[in-house]
Amino acid sequence: MTGLTERELDALSRLLRGEEMACKKTKIYSNTLTDVALAQEMEAVSRAHAARFAALYAVLGGKGA
């Protein structure tokens, strides 16, 4: 048990969904951009979203993404 309230769990769930979606979208953008520098920047943004997802997931007692 995480010791979190239902409201806190709901908020974490929304944040996880948002970070997951942002990670997926920026990954797609990085793979479709023709400008190499911009594609690399999108890849970095995708990794940042993935890191935030993993940190939020860890709050729930998960092992990571």
PDB file of N, CA and C in Angstrom:
ATOM      1  N   MET A   1       0.832  -1.188   0.000  1.00  0.00           N
ATOM      2  CA  MET A   1       0.000   0.000   0.000  1.00  0.00           C
ATOM      3  C   MET A   1       0.874   1.248   0.000  1.00  0.00           C
ATOM      4  N   THR A   2       0.508   2.226  -0.778  1.00  0.00           N
ATOM      5  CA  THR A   2       1.312   3.435  -0.936  1.00  0.00           C
ATOM      6  C   THR A   2       1.039   4.480   0.130  1.00  0.00           C
ATOM      7  N   GLY A   3      -0.091   4.393   0.813  1.00  0.00           N
ATOM      8  CA  GLY A   3      -0.438   5.394   1.813  1.00  0.00           C
ATOM      9  C   GLY A   3      -0.977   6.677   1.211  1.00  0.00           C
ATOM     10  N   LEU A   4      -1.268   6.676  -0.080  1.00  0.00           N
ATOM     11  CA  LEU A   4      -1.794   7.853  -0.757  1.00  0.00           C
ATOM     12  C   LEU A   4      -3.319   7.833  -0.725  1.00  0.00           C
ATOM     13  N   THR A   5      -3.901   9.006  -0.672  1.00  0.00           N
ATOM     14  CA  THR A   5      -5.350   9.101  -0.703  1.00  0.00           C
ATOM     15  C   THR A   5      -5.858   8.830  -2.110  1.00  0.00           C
ATOM     16  N   GLU A   6      -7.163   8.606  -2.210  1.00  0.00           N
ATOM     17  CA  GLU A   6      -7.760   8.370  -3.529  1.00  0.00           C
ATOM     18  C   GLU A   6      -7.565   9.582  -4.434  1.00  0.00           C
ATOM     19  N   ARG A   7      -7.646  10.760  -3.875  1.00  0.00           N
ATOM     20  CA  ARG A   7      -7.455  11.992  -4.656  1.00  0.00           C
ATOM     21  C   ARG A   7      -6.016  12.092  -5.169  1.00  0.00           C
ATOM     22  N   GLU A   8      -5.063  11.743  -4.319  1.00  0.00           N
ATOM     23  CA  GLU A   8      -3.658  11.776  -4.730  1.00  0.00           C
ATOM     24  C   GLU A   8      -3.382  10.726  -5.809  1.00  0.00           C
ATOM     25  N   LEU A   9      -3.967   9.552  -5.653  1.00  0.00           N
ATOM     26  CA  LEU A   9      -3.803   8.502  -6.663  1.00  0.00           C
ATOM     27  C   LEU A   9      -4.413   8.925  -7.998  1.00  0.00           C
ATOM     28  N   ASP A  10      -5.545   9.594  -7.939  1.00  0.00           N
ATOM     29  CA  ASP A  10      -6.181  10.088  -9.165  1.00  0.00           C
ATOM     30  C   ASP A  10      -5.289  11.121  -9.850  1.00  0.00           C
ATOM     31  N   ALA A  11      -4.726  12.019  -9.057  1.00  0.00           N
ATOM     32  CA  ALA A  11      -3.835  13.043  -9.624  1.00  0.00           C
ATOM     33  C   ALA A  11      -2.596  12.397 -10.238  1.00  0.00           C
ATOM     34  N   LEU A  12      -2.012  11.427  -9.548  1.00  0.00           N
ATOM     35  CA  LEU A  12      -0.844  10.724 -10.092  1.00  0.00           C
ATOM     36  C   LEU A  12      -1.188   9.991 -11.376  1.00  0.00           C
ATOM     37  N   SER A  13      -2.357   9.408 -11.411  1.00  0.00           N
ATOM     38  CA  SER A  13      -2.795   8.697 -12.608  1.00  0.00           C
ATOM     39  C   SER A  13      -2.896   9.648 -13.803  1.00  0.00           C
ATOM     40  N   ARG A  14      -3.468  10.824 -13.581  1.00  0.00           N
ATOM     41  CA  ARG A  14      -3.573  11.817 -14.666  1.00  0.00           C
ATOM     42  C   ARG A  14      -2.194  12.282 -15.104  1.00  0.00           C
ATOM     43  N   LEU A  15      -1.315  12.519 -14.161  1.00  0.00           N
ATOM     44  CA  LEU A  15       0.044  12.945 -14.497  1.00  0.00           C
ATOM     45  C   LEU A  15       0.785  11.864 -15.286  1.00  0.00           C
ATOM     46  N   LEU A  16       0.625  10.616 -14.873  1.00  0.00           N
ATOM     47  CA  LEU A  16       1.265   9.505 -15.597  1.00  0.00           C
ATOM     48  C   LEU A  16       0.762   9.425 -17.030  1.00  0.00           C
ATOM     49  N   ARG A  17      -0.543   9.541 -17.224  1.00  0.00           N
ATOM     50  CA  ARG A  17      -1.095   9.498 -18.585  1.00  0.00           C
ATOM     51  C   ARG A  17      -0.552  10.646 -19.422  1.00  0.00           C
ATOM     52  N   GLY A  18      -0.465  11.830 -18.836  1.00  0.00           N
ATOM     53  CA  GLY A  18       0.063  12.987 -19.566  1.00  0.00           C
ATOM     54  C   GLY A  18       1.515  12.817 -19.954  1.00  0.00           C
ATOM     55  N   GLU A  19       2.329  12.350 -19.021  1.00  0.00           N
ATOM     56  CA  GLU A  19       3.750  12.143 -19.314  1.00  0.00           C
ATOM     57  C   GLU A  19       3.935  11.044 -20.355  1.00  0.00           C
ATOM     58  N   GLU A  20       3.134   9.983 -20.256  1.00  0.00           N
ATOM     59  CA  GLU A  20       3.235   8.900 -21.231  1.00  0.00           C
ATOM     60  C   GLU A  20       2.883   9.399 -22.632  1.00  0.00           C
ATOM     61  N   MET A  21       1.812  10.169 -22.735  1.00  0.00           N
ATOM     62  CA  MET A  21       1.387  10.697 -24.035  1.00  0.00           C
ATOM     63  C   MET A  21       2.439  11.664 -24.590  1.00  0.00           C
ATOM     64  N   ALA A  22       2.963  12.539 -23.749  1.00  0.00           N
ATOM     65  CA  ALA A  22       3.979  13.491 -24.193  1.00  0.00           C
ATOM     66  C   ALA A  22       5.238  12.763 -24.659  1.00  0.00           C
ATOM     67  N   CYS A  23       5.611  11.716 -23.944  1.00  0.00           N
ATOM     68  CA  CYS A  23       6.785  10.929 -24.322  1.00  0.00           C
ATOM     69  C   CYS A  23       6.574  10.293 -25.696  1.00  0.00           C
ATOM     70  N   LYS A  24       5.413   9.685 -25.895  1.00  0.00           N
ATOM     71  CA  LYS A  24       5.120   9.038 -27.176  1.00  0.00           C
ATOM     72  C   LYS A  24       5.099  10.040 -28.327  1.00  0.00           C
ATOM     73  N   LYS A  25       4.465  11.180 -28.109  1.00  0.00           N
ATOM     74  CA  LYS A  25       4.355  12.179 -29.180  1.00  0.00           C
ATOM     75  C   LYS A  25       5.720  12.747 -29.558  1.00  0.00           C
ATOM     76  N   THR A  26       6.519  13.089 -28.558  1.00  0.00           N
ATOM     77  CA  THR A  26       7.831  13.656 -28.874  1.00  0.00           C
ATOM     78  C   THR A  26       8.739  12.620 -29.523  1.00  0.00           C
ATOM     79  N   LYS A  27       8.562  11.345 -29.178  1.00  0.00           N
ATOM     80  CA  LYS A  27       9.329  10.278 -29.823  1.00  0.00           C
ATOM     81  C   LYS A  27       8.938  10.180 -31.298  1.00  0.00           C
ATOM     82  N   ILE A  28       7.637  10.249 -31.575  1.00  0.00           N
ATOM     83  CA  ILE A  28       7.164  10.228 -32.965  1.00  0.00           C
ATOM     84  C   ILE A  28       7.715  11.436 -33.719  1.00  0.00           C
ATOM     85  N   TYR A  29       7.654  12.620 -33.097  1.00  0.00           N
ATOM     86  CA  TYR A  29       8.176  13.824 -33.742  1.00  0.00           C
ATOM     87  C   TYR A  29       9.662  13.662 -34.057  1.00  0.00           C
ATOM     88  N   SER A  30      10.421  13.104 -33.102  1.00  0.00           N
ATOM     89  CA  SER A  30      11.866  12.962 -33.318  1.00  0.00           C
ATOM     90  C   SER A  30      12.160  12.017 -34.483  1.00  0.00           C
ATOM     91  N   ASN A  31      11.272  11.061 -34.710  1.00  0.00           N
ATOM     92  CA  ASN A  31      11.478  10.101 -35.799  1.00  0.00           C
ATOM     93  C   ASN A  31      11.002  10.623 -37.150  1.00  0.00           C
ATOM     94  N   THR A  32      10.184  11.672 -37.166  1.00  0.00           N
ATOM     95  CA  THR A  32       9.646  12.158 -38.437  1.00  0.00           C
ATOM     96  C   THR A  32      10.246  13.489 -38.884  1.00  0.00           C
ATOM     97  N   LEU A  33      10.930  14.187 -37.993  1.00  0.00           N
ATOM     98  CA  LEU A  33      11.532  15.462 -38.364  1.00  0.00           C
ATOM     99  C   LEU A  33      12.719  15.251 -39.292  1.00  0.00           C
ATOM    100  N   THR A  34      12.851  16.125 -40.264  1.00  0.00           N
ATOM    101  CA  THR A  34      13.979  16.027 -41.185  1.00  0.00           C
ATOM    102  C   THR A  34      15.170  16.874 -40.736  1.00  0.00           C
ATOM    103  N   ASP A  35      14.921  17.860 -39.899  1.00  0.00           N
ATOM    104  CA  ASP A  35      15.989  18.683 -39.338  1.00  0.00           C
ATOM    105  C   ASP A  35      16.654  17.879 -38.213  1.00  0.00           C
ATOM    106  N   VAL A  36      17.913  17.514 -38.395  1.00  0.00           N
ATOM    107  CA  VAL A  36      18.611  16.639 -37.453  1.00  0.00           C
ATOM    108  C   VAL A  36      18.688  17.253 -36.060  1.00  0.00           C
ATOM    109  N   ALA A  37      19.019  18.522 -35.964  1.00  0.00           N
ATOM    110  CA  ALA A  37      19.143  19.174 -34.660  1.00  0.00           C
ATOM    111  C   ALA A  37      17.798  19.186 -33.931  1.00  0.00           C
ATOM    112  N   LEU A  38      16.746  19.475 -34.652  1.00  0.00           N
ATOM    113  CA  LEU A  38      15.420  19.492 -34.051  1.00  0.00           C
ATOM    114  C   LEU A  38      14.995  18.082 -33.644  1.00  0.00           C
ATOM    115  N   ALA A  39      15.310  17.100 -34.460  1.00  0.00           N
ATOM    116  CA  ALA A  39      14.989  15.712 -34.130  1.00  0.00           C
ATOM    117  C   ALA A  39      15.719  15.274 -32.856  1.00  0.00           C
ATOM    118  N   GLN A  40      16.966  15.689 -32.714  1.00  0.00           N
ATOM    119  CA  GLN A  40      17.729  15.361 -31.510  1.00  0.00           C
ATOM    120  C   GLN A  40      17.135  16.038 -30.282  1.00  0.00           C
ATOM    121  N   GLU A  41      16.684  17.267 -30.451  1.00  0.00           N
ATOM    122  CA  GLU A  41      16.049  17.988 -29.344  1.00  0.00           C
ATOM    123  C   GLU A  41      14.756  17.287 -28.920  1.00  0.00           C
ATOM    124  N   MET A  42      13.974  16.843 -29.886  1.00  0.00           N
ATOM    125  CA  MET A  42      12.736  16.120 -29.571  1.00  0.00           C
ATOM    126  C   MET A  42      13.035  14.807 -28.863  1.00  0.00           C
ATOM    127  N   GLU A  43      14.114  14.150 -29.240  1.00  0.00           N
ATOM    128  CA  GLU A  43      14.516  12.914 -28.565  1.00  0.00           C
ATOM    129  C   GLU A  43      14.879  13.208 -27.111  1.00  0.00           C
ATOM    130  N   ALA A  44      15.568  14.319 -26.875  1.00  0.00           N
ATOM    131  CA  ALA A  44      15.917  14.711 -25.505  1.00  0.00           C
ATOM    132  C   ALA A  44      14.663  15.022 -24.691  1.00  0.00           C
ATOM    133  N   VAL A  45      13.710  15.686 -25.313  1.00  0.00           N
ATOM    134  CA  VAL A  45      12.443  15.993 -24.637  1.00  0.00           C
ATOM    135  C   VAL A  45      11.710  14.687 -24.312  1.00  0.00           C
ATOM    136  N   SER A  46      11.728  13.753 -25.234  1.00  0.00           N
ATOM    137  CA  SER A  46      11.084  12.456 -25.012  1.00  0.00           C
ATOM    138  C   SER A  46      11.720  11.737 -23.817  1.00  0.00           C
ATOM    139  N   ARG A  47      13.042  11.767 -23.736  1.00  0.00           N
ATOM    140  CA  ARG A  47      13.734  11.135 -22.598  1.00  0.00           C
ATOM    141  C   ARG A  47      13.376  11.820 -21.288  1.00  0.00           C
ATOM    142  N   ALA A  48      13.218  13.139 -21.311  1.00  0.00           N
ATOM    143  CA  ALA A  48      12.842  13.872 -20.094  1.00  0.00           C
ATOM    144  C   ALA A  48      11.444  13.461 -19.631  1.00  0.00           C
ATOM    145  N   HIS A  49      10.521  13.317 -20.574  1.00  0.00           N
ATOM    146  CA  HIS A  49       9.173  12.871 -20.212  1.00  0.00           C
ATOM    147  C   HIS A  49       9.211  11.446 -19.665  1.00  0.00           C
ATOM    148  N   ALA A  50      10.028  10.589 -20.256  1.00  0.00           N
ATOM    149  CA  ALA A  50      10.147   9.211 -19.780  1.00  0.00           C
ATOM    150  C   ALA A  50      10.712   9.177 -18.356  1.00  0.00           C
ATOM    151  N   ALA A  51      11.659  10.050 -18.074  1.00  0.00           N
ATOM    152  CA  ALA A  51      12.238  10.115 -16.729  1.00  0.00           C
ATOM    153  C   ALA A  51      11.205  10.576 -15.713  1.00  0.00           C
ATOM    154  N   ARG A  52      10.395  11.566 -16.089  1.00  0.00           N
ATOM    155  CA  ARG A  52       9.336  12.025 -15.179  1.00  0.00           C
ATOM    156  C   ARG A  52       8.293  10.935 -14.969  1.00  0.00           C
ATOM    157  N   PHE A  53       7.959  10.203 -16.033  1.00  0.00           N
ATOM    158  CA  PHE A  53       7.022   9.088 -15.910  1.00  0.00           C
ATOM    159  C   PHE A  53       7.556   8.074 -14.905  1.00  0.00           C
ATOM    160  N   ALA A  54       8.829   7.710 -15.044  1.00  0.00           N
ATOM    161  CA  ALA A  54       9.440   6.722 -14.144  1.00  0.00           C
ATOM    162  C   ALA A  54       9.437   7.210 -12.697  1.00  0.00           C
ATOM    163  N   ALA A  55       9.714   8.494 -12.507  1.00  0.00           N
ATOM    164  CA  ALA A  55       9.727   9.045 -11.138  1.00  0.00           C
ATOM    165  C   ALA A  55       8.324   9.019 -10.532  1.00  0.00           C
ATOM    166  N   LEU A  56       7.320   9.381 -11.322  1.00  0.00           N
ATOM    167  CA  LEU A  56       5.938   9.331 -10.830  1.00  0.00           C
ATOM    168  C   LEU A  56       5.513   7.901 -10.544  1.00  0.00           C
ATOM    169  N   TYR A  57       5.898   6.992 -11.425  1.00  0.00           N
ATOM    170  CA  TYR A  57       5.547   5.582 -11.248  1.00  0.00           C
ATOM    171  C   TYR A  57       6.184   5.033  -9.973  1.00  0.00           C
ATOM    172  N   ALA A  58       7.390   5.474  -9.682  1.00  0.00           N
ATOM    173  CA  ALA A  58       8.084   5.024  -8.470  1.00  0.00           C
ATOM    174  C   ALA A  58       7.338   5.449  -7.218  1.00  0.00           C
ATOM    175  N   VAL A  59       6.657   6.578  -7.265  1.00  0.00           N
ATOM    176  CA  VAL A  59       5.855   7.031  -6.126  1.00  0.00           C
ATOM    177  C   VAL A  59       4.765   6.011  -5.800  1.00  0.00           C
ATOM    178  N   LEU A  60       4.275   5.352  -6.837  1.00  0.00           N
ATOM    179  CA  LEU A  60       3.229   4.350  -6.649  1.00  0.00           C
ATOM    180  C   LEU A  60       3.794   3.005  -6.188  1.00  0.00           C
ATOM    181  N   GLY A  61       5.106   2.920  -6.095  1.00  0.00           N
ATOM    182  CA  GLY A  61       5.730   1.659  -5.667  1.00  0.00           C
ATOM    183  C   GLY A  61       6.104   0.768  -6.833  1.00  0.00           C
ATOM    184  N   GLY A  62       6.032   1.309  -8.042  1.00  0.00           N
ATOM    185  CA  GLY A  62       6.405   0.539  -9.229  1.00  0.00           C
ATOM    186  C   GLY A  62       7.912   0.474  -9.369  1.00  0.00           C
ATOM    187  N   LYS A  63       8.370  -0.340 -10.281  1.00  0.00           N
ATOM    188  CA  LYS A  63       9.801  -0.530 -10.485  1.00  0.00           C
ATOM    189  C   LYS A  63      10.360   0.350 -11.590  1.00  0.00           C
ATOM    190  N   GLY A  64       9.511   1.115 -12.271  1.00  0.00           N
ATOM    191  CA  GLY A  64       9.999   1.988 -13.338  1.00  0.00           C
ATOM    192  C   GLY A  64       9.331   1.657 -14.650  1.00  0.00           C
ATOM    193  N   ALA A  65       9.574   2.507 -15.625  1.00  0.00           N
ATOM    194  CA  ALA A  65       8.938   2.331 -16.932  1.00  0.00           C
ATOM    195  C   ALA A  65       9.825   1.603 -17.884  1.00  0.00           C
TER     196      ALA A  65
END
